[in-house]
């Protein structure tokens, strides 16, 4: 069997994109350096602020920055925020928006992210988009992989894509109702991998630890991953018989917005390259860790340039890191590309 191409290199007979991504896009306004949350009626000044595309854009940009041809199906509002996000994604990041639509009279959702320590709180304004994901994906081309966000209702496009050989990498959101319906897990029958965080994983599996949740998920989906933020991640790949657990890197967190999305896109890229599970997991933990050192979600994704810089300045110089991440020496492209654009921030010295 031929070796799979590394991230950024397509198979000779490939016609569609490497990755299909669909979901809700947001314009993110991120506040950082907040010592504590404000009390009612109180005003608190933050030390930093950034803005840029968020939501599903986090996954699209993170994938594109690892050289994967990326097609995004989303809805833009016909407002300033929508026009700004569309321009950033298409012109600056090279994301294909042929499946996306601009909705007249509809406003792009806006999220204010308040970053504190290793986590963040979100305040969002917006309405459901006028075009559902199944409609946006009706004419989607075949792809090597698709990244899906599971909701309470199954999406027809996922079954259609999986039936044509597309590997489905799924994540899920926090359930504000607290119901954590186990029926959602029925959708995993079409998926190749499932990547919830530990809170989501324990909620949906009715377990009390990340490891117990992983054990249940591994019986449902071929590749089960549970992310643990500052505690790293653990995974089981039933297709290869591998299991792995990796620690998070010791990194100063500026903003955790979108870190889970960067993890998912990076794990997808490494999977398409055919890497061993431990390397896939470390690569995703590294990319997510590098993303939290900058403001925002989408534009904080490190890409190959960021990974290369980390390896040259930090990873290869530390014996423990060199042992764990030595696989990067043979996998970072010879030309990792230019430094990616970052989120506009204030003050400019950040």
C-alpha atoms as a PDB file:
ATOM      1  CA  UNK A   1       0.000   0.000   0.000  1.00  0.00           C
ATOM      2  CA  UNK A   2       1.339   3.432  -0.919  1.00  0.00           C
ATOM      3  CA  UNK A   3       2.362   5.760   1.862  1.00  0.00           C
ATOM      4  CA  UNK A   4      -0.185   8.564   2.496  1.00  0.00           C
ATOM      5  CA  UNK A   5       0.959  12.064   1.545  1.00  0.00           C
ATOM      6  CA  UNK A   6       2.155  14.335   4.364  1.00  0.00           C
ATOM      7  CA  UNK A   7       0.021  17.332   5.366  1.00  0.00           C
ATOM      8  CA  UNK A   8      -0.049  19.803   2.506  1.00  0.00           C
ATOM      9  CA  UNK A   9       0.724  17.211  -0.203  1.00  0.00           C
ATOM     10  CA  UNK A  10      -2.152  15.654  -2.142  1.00  0.00           C
ATOM     11  CA  UNK A  11      -2.375  12.157  -3.558  1.00  0.00           C
ATOM     12  CA  UNK A  12      -1.746  12.069  -7.343  1.00  0.00           C
ATOM     13  CA  UNK A  13      -5.385  11.168  -8.111  1.00  0.00           C
ATOM     14  CA  UNK A  14      -6.970  13.636  -5.678  1.00  0.00           C
ATOM     15  CA  UNK A  15      -9.649  15.923  -7.152  1.00  0.00           C
ATOM     16  CA  UNK A  16     -11.609  17.306  -4.208  1.00  0.00           C
ATOM     17  CA  UNK A  17     -10.292  19.267  -1.237  1.00  0.00           C
ATOM     18  CA  UNK A  18      -8.303  17.696   1.545  1.00  0.00           C
ATOM     19  CA  UNK A  19     -10.756  18.899   4.176  1.00  0.00           C
ATOM     20  CA  UNK A  20     -14.404  19.972   4.201  1.00  0.00           C
ATOM     21  CA  UNK A  21     -15.525  22.118   7.125  1.00  0.00           C
ATOM     22  CA  UNK A  22     -19.021  23.384   7.872  1.00  0.00           C
ATOM     23  CA  UNK A  23     -20.583  25.180  10.817  1.00  0.00           C
ATOM     24  CA  UNK A  24     -21.411  28.568  12.264  1.00  0.00           C
ATOM     25  CA  UNK A  25     -18.975  31.449  11.848  1.00  0.00           C
ATOM     26  CA  UNK A  26     -18.560  34.236  14.392  1.00  0.00           C
ATOM     27  CA  UNK A  27     -16.786  37.543  14.563  1.00  0.00           C
ATOM     28  CA  UNK A  28     -14.741  37.250  17.770  1.00  0.00           C
ATOM     29  CA  UNK A  29     -13.778  40.103  20.073  1.00  0.00           C
ATOM     30  CA  UNK A  30     -11.332  38.762  22.656  1.00  0.00           C
ATOM     31  CA  UNK A  31     -10.489  40.451  25.961  1.00  0.00           C
ATOM     32  CA  UNK A  32      -7.338  39.269  27.765  1.00  0.00           C
ATOM     33  CA  UNK A  33      -5.486  40.085  30.955  1.00  0.00           C
ATOM     34  CA  UNK A  34      -8.616  40.216  33.090  1.00  0.00           C
ATOM     35  CA  UNK A  35      -7.721  39.686  36.730  1.00  0.00           C
ATOM     36  CA  UNK A  36     -11.269  38.782  37.765  1.00  0.00           C
ATOM     37  CA  UNK A  37     -14.771  38.992  36.323  1.00  0.00           C
ATOM     38  CA  UNK A  38     -16.645  42.259  36.908  1.00  0.00           C
ATOM     39  CA  UNK A  39     -19.375  42.527  39.517  1.00  0.00           C
ATOM     40  CA  UNK A  40     -22.781  43.908  38.442  1.00  0.00           C
ATOM     41  CA  UNK A  41     -22.505  47.619  37.783  1.00  0.00           C
ATOM     42  CA  UNK A  42     -18.683  47.509  37.794  1.00  0.00           C
ATOM     43  CA  UNK A  43     -16.288  48.382  34.968  1.00  0.00           C
ATOM     44  CA  UNK A  44     -12.970  46.521  34.671  1.00  0.00           C
ATOM     45  CA  UNK A  45     -10.228  47.395  32.208  1.00  0.00           C
ATOM     46  CA  UNK A  46      -8.401  44.559  30.468  1.00  0.00           C
ATOM     47  CA  UNK A  47      -4.737  44.504  29.483  1.00  0.00           C
ATOM     48  CA  UNK A  48      -5.274  43.400  25.875  1.00  0.00           C
ATOM     49  CA  UNK A  49      -7.830  42.968  23.111  1.00  0.00           C
ATOM     50  CA  UNK A  50      -7.954  41.164  19.761  1.00  0.00           C
ATOM     51  CA  UNK A  51     -10.494  40.595  17.007  1.00  0.00           C
ATOM     52  CA  UNK A  52     -10.969  38.300  14.010  1.00  0.00           C
ATOM     53  CA  UNK A  53     -12.946  35.394  12.531  1.00  0.00           C
ATOM     54  CA  UNK A  54     -14.022  32.715  14.978  1.00  0.00           C
ATOM     55  CA  UNK A  55     -16.247  29.684  15.331  1.00  0.00           C
ATOM     56  CA  UNK A  56     -15.896  27.351  12.371  1.00  0.00           C
ATOM     57  CA  UNK A  57     -13.236  29.687  10.939  1.00  0.00           C
ATOM     58  CA  UNK A  58     -10.871  28.410  13.640  1.00  0.00           C
ATOM     59  CA  UNK A  59     -10.886  24.934  12.114  1.00  0.00           C
ATOM     60  CA  UNK A  60     -10.678  26.138   8.521  1.00  0.00           C
ATOM     61  CA  UNK A  61      -7.697  28.409   9.091  1.00  0.00           C
ATOM     62  CA  UNK A  62      -5.843  25.901  11.258  1.00  0.00           C
ATOM     63  CA  UNK A  63      -6.192  23.240   8.550  1.00  0.00           C
ATOM     64  CA  UNK A  64      -5.240  25.591   5.719  1.00  0.00           C
ATOM     65  CA  UNK A  65      -2.118  26.735   7.568  1.00  0.00           C
ATOM     66  CA  UNK A  66      -0.882  23.144   7.565  1.00  0.00           C
ATOM     67  CA  UNK A  67      -1.091  23.160   3.786  1.00  0.00           C
ATOM     68  CA  UNK A  68      -4.383  21.277   3.477  1.00  0.00           C
ATOM     69  CA  UNK A  69      -6.711  22.456   0.713  1.00  0.00           C
ATOM     70  CA  UNK A  70      -9.707  23.498   2.752  1.00  0.00           C
ATOM     71  CA  UNK A  71     -13.301  24.110   1.675  1.00  0.00           C
ATOM     72  CA  UNK A  72     -15.567  25.954   4.125  1.00  0.00           C
ATOM     73  CA  UNK A  73     -19.372  25.917   3.995  1.00  0.00           C
ATOM     74  CA  UNK A  74     -20.749  28.632   6.253  1.00  0.00           C
ATOM     75  CA  UNK A  75     -23.020  31.669   6.257  1.00  0.00           C
ATOM     76  CA  UNK A  76     -21.807  35.268   6.304  1.00  0.00           C
ATOM     77  CA  UNK A  77     -24.038  38.149   7.267  1.00  0.00           C
ATOM     78  CA  UNK A  78     -24.333  41.058   4.838  1.00  0.00           C
ATOM     79  CA  UNK A  79     -22.699  43.380   7.358  1.00  0.00           C
ATOM     80  CA  UNK A  80     -19.254  44.693   8.222  1.00  0.00           C
ATOM     81  CA  UNK A  81     -18.386  41.622  10.284  1.00  0.00           C
ATOM     82  CA  UNK A  82     -19.339  39.213   7.505  1.00  0.00           C
ATOM     83  CA  UNK A  83     -17.428  41.125   4.834  1.00  0.00           C
ATOM     84  CA  UNK A  84     -14.360  41.337   7.068  1.00  0.00           C
ATOM     85  CA  UNK A  85     -14.377  37.619   7.884  1.00  0.00           C
ATOM     86  CA  UNK A  86     -14.948  36.629   4.245  1.00  0.00           C
ATOM     87  CA  UNK A  87     -12.015  38.751   3.112  1.00  0.00           C
ATOM     88  CA  UNK A  88      -9.689  37.337   5.755  1.00  0.00           C
ATOM     89  CA  UNK A  89     -10.599  33.732   4.984  1.00  0.00           C
ATOM     90  CA  UNK A  90     -10.558  33.894   1.188  1.00  0.00           C
ATOM     91  CA  UNK A  91      -7.909  36.484   0.354  1.00  0.00           C
ATOM     92  CA  UNK A  92      -5.530  36.135   3.278  1.00  0.00           C
ATOM     93  CA  UNK A  93      -5.842  32.458   4.281  1.00  0.00           C
ATOM     94  CA  UNK A  94      -6.702  30.847   0.936  1.00  0.00           C
ATOM     95  CA  UNK A  95      -9.809  29.017   2.200  1.00  0.00           C
ATOM     96  CA  UNK A  96     -12.226  28.000  -0.572  1.00  0.00           C
ATOM     97  CA  UNK A  97     -15.635  29.618   0.076  1.00  0.00           C
ATOM     98  CA  UNK A  98     -17.499  28.267  -2.967  1.00  0.00           C
ATOM     99  CA  UNK A  99     -19.919  26.401  -0.674  1.00  0.00           C
ATOM    100  CA  UNK A 100     -20.518  29.428   1.585  1.00  0.00           C
ATOM    101  CA  UNK A 101     -23.287  32.013   1.254  1.00  0.00           C
ATOM    102  CA  UNK A 102     -23.923  35.610   2.252  1.00  0.00           C
ATOM    103  CA  UNK A 103     -27.423  35.982   3.724  1.00  0.00           C
ATOM    104  CA  UNK A 104     -29.227  39.262   2.986  1.00  0.00           C
ATOM    105  CA  UNK A 105     -30.670  40.886   6.091  1.00  0.00           C
ATOM    106  CA  UNK A 106     -28.950  38.471   8.446  1.00  0.00           C
ATOM    107  CA  UNK A 107     -26.296  39.580  10.916  1.00  0.00           C
ATOM    108  CA  UNK A 108     -23.027  37.749  11.465  1.00  0.00           C
ATOM    109  CA  UNK A 109     -22.986  36.367  15.039  1.00  0.00           C
ATOM    110  CA  UNK A 110     -20.603  38.235  17.335  1.00  0.00           C
ATOM    111  CA  UNK A 111     -18.888  36.696  20.360  1.00  0.00           C
ATOM    112  CA  UNK A 112     -17.073  38.496  23.146  1.00  0.00           C
ATOM    113  CA  UNK A 113     -14.528  36.108  24.639  1.00  0.00           C
ATOM    114  CA  UNK A 114     -13.213  36.933  28.112  1.00  0.00           C
ATOM    115  CA  UNK A 115      -9.974  35.024  28.613  1.00  0.00           C
ATOM    116  CA  UNK A 116      -8.935  34.017  32.128  1.00  0.00           C
ATOM    117  CA  UNK A 117      -6.102  31.587  32.812  1.00  0.00           C
ATOM    118  CA  UNK A 118      -6.441  28.344  30.851  1.00  0.00           C
ATOM    119  CA  UNK A 119     -10.081  28.969  29.924  1.00  0.00           C
ATOM    120  CA  UNK A 120     -12.459  31.646  28.695  1.00  0.00           C
ATOM    121  CA  UNK A 121     -16.062  32.766  29.086  1.00  0.00           C
ATOM    122  CA  UNK A 122     -18.157  33.665  26.044  1.00  0.00           C
ATOM    123  CA  UNK A 123     -20.979  36.138  25.442  1.00  0.00           C
ATOM    124  CA  UNK A 124     -22.604  35.812  22.016  1.00  0.00           C
ATOM    125  CA  UNK A 125     -25.204  37.737  20.045  1.00  0.00           C
ATOM    126  CA  UNK A 126     -26.761  36.136  16.979  1.00  0.00           C
ATOM    127  CA  UNK A 127     -29.546  34.110  15.396  1.00  0.00           C
ATOM    128  CA  UNK A 128     -29.740  30.771  13.625  1.00  0.00           C
ATOM    129  CA  UNK A 129     -28.493  31.104  10.025  1.00  0.00           C
ATOM    130  CA  UNK A 130     -31.108  30.965   7.239  1.00  0.00           C
ATOM    131  CA  UNK A 131     -29.258  28.148   5.440  1.00  0.00           C
ATOM    132  CA  UNK A 132     -28.847  24.838   7.311  1.00  0.00           C
ATOM    133  CA  UNK A 133     -25.657  22.827   6.980  1.00  0.00           C
ATOM    134  CA  UNK A 134     -27.319  20.120   4.898  1.00  0.00           C
ATOM    135  CA  UNK A 135     -28.306  22.759   2.339  1.00  0.00           C
ATOM    136  CA  UNK A 136     -24.827  24.275   2.273  1.00  0.00           C
ATOM    137  CA  UNK A 137     -23.259  20.847   1.813  1.00  0.00           C
ATOM    138  CA  UNK A 138     -25.742  19.550  -0.779  1.00  0.00           C
ATOM    139  CA  UNK A 139     -23.213  19.878  -3.619  1.00  0.00           C
ATOM    140  CA  UNK A 140     -20.040  19.377  -1.605  1.00  0.00           C
ATOM    141  CA  UNK A 141     -17.238  17.607  -3.490  1.00  0.00           C
ATOM    142  CA  UNK A 142     -15.615  14.438  -2.245  1.00  0.00           C
ATOM    143  CA  UNK A 143     -12.838  15.069   0.267  1.00  0.00           C
ATOM    144  CA  UNK A 144     -10.212  13.131   2.169  1.00  0.00           C
ATOM    145  CA  UNK A 145     -11.676  14.335   5.466  1.00  0.00           C
ATOM    146  CA  UNK A 146     -14.494  16.423   6.876  1.00  0.00           C
ATOM    147  CA  UNK A 147     -14.687  18.065  10.280  1.00  0.00           C
ATOM    148  CA  UNK A 148     -18.210  18.012  11.695  1.00  0.00           C
ATOM    149  CA  UNK A 149     -19.802  19.557  14.766  1.00  0.00           C
ATOM    150  CA  UNK A 150     -22.459  17.196  16.096  1.00  0.00           C
ATOM    151  CA  UNK A 151     -25.767  18.607  17.286  1.00  0.00           C
ATOM    152  CA  UNK A 152     -28.982  17.161  18.638  1.00  0.00           C
ATOM    153  CA  UNK A 153     -30.301  16.430  15.139  1.00  0.00           C
ATOM    154  CA  UNK A 154     -28.354  14.175  12.730  1.00  0.00           C
ATOM    155  CA  UNK A 155     -27.043  15.858   9.575  1.00  0.00           C
ATOM    156  CA  UNK A 156     -27.685  14.084   6.288  1.00  0.00           C
ATOM    157  CA  UNK A 157     -24.471  15.352   4.687  1.00  0.00           C
ATOM    158  CA  UNK A 158     -22.347  13.420   7.186  1.00  0.00           C
ATOM    159  CA  UNK A 159     -23.790  10.053   6.151  1.00  0.00           C
ATOM    160  CA  UNK A 160     -23.474  10.985   2.469  1.00  0.00           C
ATOM    161  CA  UNK A 161     -19.836  12.048   2.834  1.00  0.00           C
ATOM    162  CA  UNK A 162     -18.912   8.998   4.901  1.00  0.00           C
ATOM    163  CA  UNK A 163     -20.488   6.708   2.314  1.00  0.00           C
ATOM    164  CA  UNK A 164     -18.141   8.093  -0.359  1.00  0.00           C
ATOM    165  CA  UNK A 165     -15.033   7.415   1.752  1.00  0.00           C
ATOM    166  CA  UNK A 166     -14.563  10.768   3.478  1.00  0.00           C
ATOM    167  CA  UNK A 167     -13.171  10.370   6.992  1.00  0.00           C
ATOM    168  CA  UNK A 168     -15.421  12.254   9.422  1.00  0.00           C
ATOM    169  CA  UNK A 169     -13.735  13.903  12.406  1.00  0.00           C
ATOM    170  CA  UNK A 170     -16.421  15.016  14.860  1.00  0.00           C
ATOM    171  CA  UNK A 171     -16.541  17.259  17.874  1.00  0.00           C
ATOM    172  CA  UNK A 172     -19.413  18.415  20.044  1.00  0.00           C
ATOM    173  CA  UNK A 173     -20.302  21.395  22.201  1.00  0.00           C
ATOM    174  CA  UNK A 174     -21.199  21.851  25.828  1.00  0.00           C
ATOM    175  CA  UNK A 175     -24.827  20.966  26.605  1.00  0.00           C
ATOM    176  CA  UNK A 176     -26.275  23.960  28.491  1.00  0.00           C
ATOM    177  CA  UNK A 177     -29.432  21.969  29.298  1.00  0.00           C
ATOM    178  CA  UNK A 178     -27.467  19.425  31.311  1.00  0.00           C
ATOM    179  CA  UNK A 179     -29.365  16.571  29.624  1.00  0.00           C
ATOM    180  CA  UNK A 180     -26.311  15.100  27.877  1.00  0.00           C
ATOM    181  CA  UNK A 181     -28.514  12.888  25.721  1.00  0.00           C
ATOM    182  CA  UNK A 182     -26.816   9.607  24.865  1.00  0.00           C
ATOM    183  CA  UNK A 183     -28.678   9.621  21.546  1.00  0.00           C
ATOM    184  CA  UNK A 184     -26.127  12.091  20.226  1.00  0.00           C
ATOM    185  CA  UNK A 185     -23.512   9.336  20.371  1.00  0.00           C
ATOM    186  CA  UNK A 186     -25.566   7.316  17.874  1.00  0.00           C
ATOM    187  CA  UNK A 187     -24.272   9.717  15.211  1.00  0.00           C
ATOM    188  CA  UNK A 188     -20.752   8.400  15.739  1.00  0.00           C
ATOM    189  CA  UNK A 189     -21.541   5.333  13.653  1.00  0.00           C
ATOM    190  CA  UNK A 190     -20.678   7.436  10.581  1.00  0.00           C
ATOM    191  CA  UNK A 191     -17.536   8.968  12.072  1.00  0.00           C
ATOM    192  CA  UNK A 192     -13.877   8.004  11.943  1.00  0.00           C
ATOM    193  CA  UNK A 193     -12.861  10.027  15.002  1.00  0.00           C
ATOM    194  CA  UNK A 194     -14.523  11.841  17.898  1.00  0.00           C
ATOM    195  CA  UNK A 195     -12.653  14.568  19.791  1.00  0.00           C
ATOM    196  CA  UNK A 196     -14.619  15.971  22.766  1.00  0.00           C
ATOM    197  CA  UNK A 197     -13.081  17.668  25.770  1.00  0.00           C
ATOM    198  CA  UNK A 198     -13.179  15.802  29.058  1.00  0.00           C
ATOM    199  CA  UNK A 199     -16.249  17.628  30.386  1.00  0.00           C
ATOM    200  CA  UNK A 200     -18.232  16.815  27.254  1.00  0.00           C
ATOM    201  CA  UNK A 201     -16.907  13.249  27.123  1.00  0.00           C
ATOM    202  CA  UNK A 202     -17.858  12.521  30.740  1.00  0.00           C
ATOM    203  CA  UNK A 203     -21.241  14.193  30.308  1.00  0.00           C
ATOM    204  CA  UNK A 204     -22.293  12.168  27.288  1.00  0.00           C
ATOM    205  CA  UNK A 205     -20.920   8.850  28.594  1.00  0.00           C
ATOM    206  CA  UNK A 206     -22.180   9.300  32.163  1.00  0.00           C
ATOM    207  CA  UNK A 207     -18.705   8.663  33.584  1.00  0.00           C
ATOM    208  CA  UNK A 208     -16.621  10.421  36.225  1.00  0.00           C
ATOM    209  CA  UNK A 209     -13.170  10.491  34.621  1.00  0.00           C
ATOM    210  CA  UNK A 210     -11.595  11.206  31.250  1.00  0.00           C
ATOM    211  CA  UNK A 211     -10.136   7.701  31.102  1.00  0.00           C
ATOM    212  CA  UNK A 212     -13.482   6.033  31.793  1.00  0.00           C
ATOM    213  CA  UNK A 213     -15.146   8.225  29.183  1.00  0.00           C
ATOM    214  CA  UNK A 214     -12.473   7.309  26.644  1.00  0.00           C
ATOM    215  CA  UNK A 215     -13.085   3.618  27.290  1.00  0.00           C
ATOM    216  CA  UNK A 216     -16.774   3.961  26.495  1.00  0.00           C
ATOM    217  CA  UNK A 217     -16.185   6.090  23.408  1.00  0.00           C
ATOM    218  CA  UNK A 218     -13.618   3.634  22.080  1.00  0.00           C
ATOM    219  CA  UNK A 219     -16.396   1.043  21.881  1.00  0.00           C
ATOM    220  CA  UNK A 220     -18.431   3.354  19.641  1.00  0.00           C
ATOM    221  CA  UNK A 221     -16.054   5.104  17.247  1.00  0.00           C
ATOM    222  CA  UNK A 222     -12.805   3.872  15.599  1.00  0.00           C
ATOM    223  CA  UNK A 223     -10.658   6.714  16.954  1.00  0.00           C
ATOM    224  CA  UNK A 224     -11.615   8.252  20.306  1.00  0.00           C
ATOM    225  CA  UNK A 225      -9.783  11.294  21.672  1.00  0.00           C
ATOM    226  CA  UNK A 226     -10.434  13.179  24.911  1.00  0.00           C
ATOM    227  CA  UNK A 227      -8.769  16.561  25.305  1.00  0.00           C
ATOM    228  CA  UNK A 228      -7.911  17.824  28.784  1.00  0.00           C
ATOM    229  CA  UNK A 229      -6.692  21.390  28.263  1.00  0.00           C
ATOM    230  CA  UNK A 230      -3.716  22.028  30.557  1.00  0.00           C
ATOM    231  CA  UNK A 231      -3.534  18.290  31.321  1.00  0.00           C
ATOM    232  CA  UNK A 232      -2.953  17.178  27.725  1.00  0.00           C
ATOM    233  CA  UNK A 233      -4.965  14.530  25.879  1.00  0.00           C
ATOM    234  CA  UNK A 234      -5.495  10.796  25.622  1.00  0.00           C
ATOM    235  CA  UNK A 235      -6.717   8.621  22.772  1.00  0.00           C
ATOM    236  CA  UNK A 236      -7.406   5.124  21.496  1.00  0.00           C
ATOM    237  CA  UNK A 237      -7.226   4.074  17.840  1.00  0.00           C
ATOM    238  CA  UNK A 238      -9.088   0.812  17.322  1.00  0.00           C
ATOM    239  CA  UNK A 239      -8.015   0.650  13.673  1.00  0.00           C
ATOM    240  CA  UNK A 240      -4.360   0.247  14.646  1.00  0.00           C
ATOM    241  CA  UNK A 241      -4.626  -1.039  18.226  1.00  0.00           C
ATOM    242  CA  UNK A 242      -2.756   2.005  19.549  1.00  0.00           C
ATOM    243  CA  UNK A 243      -3.371   3.921  22.760  1.00  0.00           C
ATOM    244  CA  UNK A 244      -1.591   7.101  23.813  1.00  0.00           C
ATOM    245  CA  UNK A 245      -1.609   9.806  26.459  1.00  0.00           C
ATOM    246  CA  UNK A 246       0.435  12.997  26.248  1.00  0.00           C
ATOM    247  CA  UNK A 247       0.968  15.884  28.614  1.00  0.00           C
ATOM    248  CA  UNK A 248       0.355  19.493  27.735  1.00  0.00           C
ATOM    249  CA  UNK A 249       3.317  21.784  27.208  1.00  0.00           C
ATOM    250  CA  UNK A 250       4.364  24.303  29.832  1.00  0.00           C
ATOM    251  CA  UNK A 251       3.189  27.413  27.998  1.00  0.00           C
ATOM    252  CA  UNK A 252       2.041  30.809  29.261  1.00  0.00           C
ATOM    253  CA  UNK A 253      -1.596  31.177  28.202  1.00  0.00           C
ATOM    254  CA  UNK A 254      -2.703  34.490  26.713  1.00  0.00           C
ATOM    255  CA  UNK A 255      -6.027  33.356  25.262  1.00  0.00           C
ATOM    256  CA  UNK A 256      -7.493  29.829  25.094  1.00  0.00           C
ATOM    257  CA  UNK A 257     -10.162  30.790  22.536  1.00  0.00           C
ATOM    258  CA  UNK A 258     -10.246  28.227  19.711  1.00  0.00           C
ATOM    259  CA  UNK A 259      -7.553  25.948  21.144  1.00  0.00           C
ATOM    260  CA  UNK A 260      -9.809  22.907  20.852  1.00  0.00           C
ATOM    261  CA  UNK A 261     -10.475  23.706  17.194  1.00  0.00           C
ATOM    262  CA  UNK A 262      -6.761  24.022  16.465  1.00  0.00           C
ATOM    263  CA  UNK A 263      -6.258  20.670  18.182  1.00  0.00           C
ATOM    264  CA  UNK A 264      -8.932  19.052  16.002  1.00  0.00           C
ATOM    265  CA  UNK A 265      -7.605  20.445  12.725  1.00  0.00           C
ATOM    266  CA  UNK A 266      -4.038  19.454  13.608  1.00  0.00           C
ATOM    267  CA  UNK A 267      -5.053  15.930  14.596  1.00  0.00           C
ATOM    268  CA  UNK A 268      -6.923  15.638  11.296  1.00  0.00           C
ATOM    269  CA  UNK A 269      -3.852  16.780   9.333  1.00  0.00           C
ATOM    270  CA  UNK A 270      -1.596  14.286  11.106  1.00  0.00           C
ATOM    271  CA  UNK A 271      -4.115  11.483  10.575  1.00  0.00           C
ATOM    272  CA  UNK A 272      -4.263  12.174   6.844  1.00  0.00           C
ATOM    273  CA  UNK A 273      -0.472  11.908   6.837  1.00  0.00           C
ATOM    274  CA  UNK A 274      -0.645   8.435   8.388  1.00  0.00           C
ATOM    275  CA  UNK A 275       1.325   9.218  11.548  1.00  0.00           C
ATOM    276  CA  UNK A 276       1.348   6.940  14.632  1.00  0.00           C
ATOM    277  CA  UNK A 277      -1.243   7.847  17.257  1.00  0.00           C
ATOM    278  CA  UNK A 278       1.244   9.216  19.805  1.00  0.00           C
ATOM    279  CA  UNK A 279       2.739  11.543  17.176  1.00  0.00           C
ATOM    280  CA  UNK A 280      -0.715  12.679  16.061  1.00  0.00           C
ATOM    281  CA  UNK A 281      -1.645  13.465  19.633  1.00  0.00           C
ATOM    282  CA  UNK A 282       1.592  15.305  20.421  1.00  0.00           C
ATOM    283  CA  UNK A 283       1.349  17.318  17.194  1.00  0.00           C
ATOM    284  CA  UNK A 284      -2.204  18.404  18.058  1.00  0.00           C
ATOM    285  CA  UNK A 285      -1.275  19.236  21.666  1.00  0.00           C
ATOM    286  CA  UNK A 286       1.671  21.300  20.415  1.00  0.00           C
ATOM    287  CA  UNK A 287      -0.373  23.224  17.842  1.00  0.00           C
ATOM    288  CA  UNK A 288      -3.126  23.939  20.366  1.00  0.00           C
ATOM    289  CA  UNK A 289      -0.520  24.988  22.931  1.00  0.00           C
ATOM    290  CA  UNK A 290       1.128  27.395  20.517  1.00  0.00           C
ATOM    291  CA  UNK A 291      -2.254  28.878  19.633  1.00  0.00           C
ATOM    292  CA  UNK A 292      -3.003  29.950  23.204  1.00  0.00           C
ATOM    293  CA  UNK A 293       0.095  32.158  23.275  1.00  0.00           C
ATOM    294  CA  UNK A 294      -1.695  34.597  20.936  1.00  0.00           C
ATOM    295  CA  UNK A 295      -5.028  36.383  20.865  1.00  0.00           C
ATOM    296  CA  UNK A 296      -8.030  34.953  19.063  1.00  0.00           C
ATOM    297  CA  UNK A 297      -8.906  31.583  17.617  1.00  0.00           C
ATOM    298  CA  UNK A 298      -8.526  31.398  13.833  1.00  0.00           C
ATOM    299  CA  UNK A 299      -5.561  33.721  13.435  1.00  0.00           C
ATOM    300  CA  UNK A 300      -3.709  32.233  16.411  1.00  0.00           C
ATOM    301  CA  UNK A 301      -3.272  28.904  14.583  1.00  0.00           C
ATOM    302  CA  UNK A 302       0.503  28.368  14.278  1.00  0.00           C
ATOM    303  CA  UNK A 303       0.716  26.533  10.937  1.00  0.00           C
ATOM    304  CA  UNK A 304       3.980  24.924   9.843  1.00  0.00           C
ATOM    305  CA  UNK A 305       5.874  28.179  10.356  1.00  0.00           C
ATOM    306  CA  UNK A 306       4.919  28.315  14.033  1.00  0.00           C
ATOM    307  CA  UNK A 307       5.741  24.648  14.594  1.00  0.00           C
ATOM    308  CA  UNK A 308       9.099  25.064  12.856  1.00  0.00           C
ATOM    309  CA  UNK A 309       9.987  28.104  14.952  1.00  0.00           C
ATOM    310  CA  UNK A 310       9.081  26.268  18.170  1.00  0.00           C
ATOM    311  CA  UNK A 311      11.163  23.233  17.172  1.00  0.00           C
ATOM    312  CA  UNK A 312      14.205  25.319  16.291  1.00  0.00           C
ATOM    313  CA  UNK A 313      14.114  27.586  19.351  1.00  0.00           C
ATOM    314  CA  UNK A 314      12.638  25.338  22.050  1.00  0.00           C
ATOM    315  CA  UNK A 315      11.836  21.729  21.192  1.00  0.00           C
ATOM    316  CA  UNK A 316      15.180  20.673  19.754  1.00  0.00           C
ATOM    317  CA  UNK A 317      17.121  22.353  22.573  1.00  0.00           C
ATOM    318  CA  UNK A 318      15.368  20.644  25.487  1.00  0.00           C
ATOM    319  CA  UNK A 319      16.327  16.964  25.989  1.00  0.00           C
ATOM    320  CA  UNK A 320      12.874  15.886  27.182  1.00  0.00           C
ATOM    321  CA  UNK A 321      11.046  17.752  24.422  1.00  0.00           C
ATOM    322  CA  UNK A 322      13.544  16.527  21.832  1.00  0.00           C
ATOM    323  CA  UNK A 323      12.790  12.964  22.902  1.00  0.00           C
ATOM    324  CA  UNK A 324       9.011  13.419  22.665  1.00  0.00           C
ATOM    325  CA  UNK A 325       8.876  15.635  19.581  1.00  0.00           C
ATOM    326  CA  UNK A 326      11.893  14.424  17.635  1.00  0.00           C
ATOM    327  CA  UNK A 327       9.544  13.124  14.933  1.00  0.00           C
ATOM    328  CA  UNK A 328       9.061  16.743  13.832  1.00  0.00           C
ATOM    329  CA  UNK A 329      12.612  16.914  12.470  1.00  0.00           C
ATOM    330  CA  UNK A 330      11.631  14.629   9.581  1.00  0.00           C
ATOM    331  CA  UNK A 331       8.108  15.966   9.088  1.00  0.00           C
ATOM    332  CA  UNK A 332       8.369  19.736   9.101  1.00  0.00           C
ATOM    333  CA  UNK A 333       8.417  20.803   5.423  1.00  0.00           C
ATOM    334  CA  UNK A 334      11.732  22.031   4.049  1.00  0.00           C
ATOM    335  CA  UNK A 335       9.976  25.341   3.413  1.00  0.00           C
ATOM    336  CA  UNK A 336       7.508  25.903   6.287  1.00  0.00           C
ATOM    337  CA  UNK A 337       6.299  29.108   4.664  1.00  0.00           C
ATOM    338  CA  UNK A 338       6.164  32.693   5.887  1.00  0.00           C
ATOM    339  CA  UNK A 339       5.010  33.791   9.306  1.00  0.00           C
ATOM    340  CA  UNK A 340       1.197  33.701   9.349  1.00  0.00           C
ATOM    341  CA  UNK A 341      -0.942  36.753   9.878  1.00  0.00           C
ATOM    342  CA  UNK A 342      -1.969  37.221  13.503  1.00  0.00           C
ATOM    343  CA  UNK A 343      -4.993  38.746  15.170  1.00  0.00           C
ATOM    344  CA  UNK A 344      -4.984  42.562  15.277  1.00  0.00           C
ATOM    345  CA  UNK A 345      -4.396  43.359  18.936  1.00  0.00           C
ATOM    346  CA  UNK A 346      -4.015  46.264  21.313  1.00  0.00           C
ATOM    347  CA  UNK A 347      -1.674  47.262  22.734  1.00  0.00           C
ATOM    348  CA  UNK A 348       0.463  46.679  19.642  1.00  0.00           C
ATOM    349  CA  UNK A 349       3.410  45.471  21.705  1.00  0.00           C
ATOM    350  CA  UNK A 350       1.572  42.249  22.688  1.00  0.00           C
END
